[in-house]
Amino acid sequence: MEPPKGAWIAAVALVLGVVACGVWLLPINLDGIRAYSPLPFALPGLALAIVALTGRRRGKPMAAIGVVLACLALFLSMIMLVNRS
């Protein structure tokens, strides 16, 4: 049996989830694109977190938190897209 792989994928997923949750709060002019700004971070973060949760890897709790944060960022982005006027 091979040893478990590293937790770097879970760490990257967690960082991308945190960035995706906070990027729309930045005090810069994002008129027109603020609702789309979390997407480039949330989608790869979600994909990496799912990869980190499958197989024999370390860092599964970190990957689970990455999934939650990426889904939260996607949910907030969808709310912002629906409420645009």
Protein backbone atom coordinates (compact mmCIF):
# COMPACT_ATOMS: atom_id res chain seq x y z
CA MET A 1 0.00 0.00 0.00
CA GLU A 2 1.39 3.38 -0.95
CA PRO A 3 1.62 6.16 1.64
CA PRO A 4 -0.91 8.99 1.57
CA LYS A 5 -0.14 11.84 -0.78
CA GLY A 6 0.53 15.37 0.42
CA ALA A 7 -1.96 17.97 1.52
CA TRP A 8 -0.84 20.72 -0.85
CA ILE A 9 -3.93 20.39 -3.08
CA ALA A 10 -6.17 20.85 -0.05
CA ALA A 11 -4.13 23.87 1.05
CA VAL A 12 -4.44 25.50 -2.38
CA ALA A 13 -8.19 24.80 -2.40
CA LEU A 14 -8.54 26.41 1.03
CA VAL A 15 -6.60 29.51 -0.03
CA LEU A 16 -8.65 29.86 -3.22
CA GLY A 17 -11.86 29.54 -1.20
CA VAL A 18 -10.76 32.25 1.22
CA VAL A 19 -9.74 34.57 -1.62
CA ALA A 20 -13.01 33.92 -3.45
CA CYS A 21 -15.00 34.84 -0.34
CA GLY A 22 -13.09 38.07 0.16
CA VAL A 23 -12.31 39.37 -3.33
CA TRP A 24 -15.64 41.14 -3.75
CA LEU A 25 -15.03 43.05 -0.51
CA LEU A 26 -11.89 44.76 -1.84
CA PRO A 27 -12.13 48.56 -1.84
CA ILE A 28 -11.42 48.96 -5.55
CA ASN A 29 -13.68 49.99 -8.39
CA LEU A 30 -15.29 46.81 -9.68
CA ASP A 31 -18.40 48.37 -11.19
CA GLY A 32 -20.04 45.87 -13.51
CA ILE A 33 -17.77 42.95 -12.64
CA ARG A 34 -18.07 42.70 -8.85
CA ALA A 35 -20.55 39.82 -9.13
CA TYR A 36 -18.18 37.91 -11.41
CA SER A 37 -14.99 38.54 -9.41
CA PRO A 38 -15.24 35.46 -7.10
CA LEU A 39 -15.73 33.03 -9.99
CA PRO A 40 -12.07 32.73 -11.16
CA PHE A 41 -11.12 31.73 -7.61
CA ALA A 42 -14.17 29.73 -6.49
CA LEU A 43 -14.42 27.36 -9.46
CA PRO A 44 -10.79 26.11 -9.40
CA GLY A 45 -10.94 26.05 -5.60
CA LEU A 46 -14.01 23.83 -5.71
CA ALA A 47 -12.43 21.53 -8.30
CA LEU A 48 -9.19 21.20 -6.33
CA ALA A 49 -11.07 20.57 -3.09
CA ILE A 50 -13.07 17.77 -4.69
CA VAL A 51 -9.85 16.24 -6.03
CA ALA A 52 -8.28 16.53 -2.57
CA LEU A 53 -11.25 14.76 -0.98
CA THR A 54 -10.96 11.74 -3.26
CA GLY A 55 -8.32 9.08 -2.94
CA ARG A 56 -5.69 8.59 -0.26
CA ARG A 57 -4.59 12.10 0.59
CA ARG A 58 -3.82 14.02 3.72
CA GLY A 59 -5.62 17.26 4.54
CA LYS A 60 -9.20 16.14 4.01
CA PRO A 61 -10.59 18.49 6.69
CA MET A 62 -8.81 21.37 4.99
CA ALA A 63 -10.28 20.30 1.65
CA ALA A 64 -13.77 20.10 3.17
CA ILE A 65 -13.43 23.67 4.44
CA GLY A 66 -12.25 24.64 0.94
CA VAL A 67 -15.43 23.12 -0.53
CA VAL A 68 -17.60 25.04 1.92
CA LEU A 69 -15.84 28.35 1.23
CA ALA A 70 -15.90 27.89 -2.54
CA CYS A 71 -19.62 27.02 -2.45
CA LEU A 72 -20.27 30.04 -0.23
CA ALA A 73 -18.44 32.28 -2.71
CA LEU A 74 -20.43 30.81 -5.60
CA PHE A 75 -23.66 31.32 -3.67
CA LEU A 76 -22.79 34.95 -2.91
CA SER A 77 -21.85 35.50 -6.54
CA MET A 78 -25.19 34.10 -7.70
CA ILE A 79 -27.03 36.35 -5.24
CA MET A 80 -25.15 39.37 -6.60
CA LEU A 81 -25.92 38.35 -10.18
CA VAL A 82 -29.64 37.95 -9.47
CA ASN A 83 -29.85 41.29 -7.64
CA ARG A 84 -28.07 43.32 -10.34
CA SER A 85 -30.09 46.13 -11.75
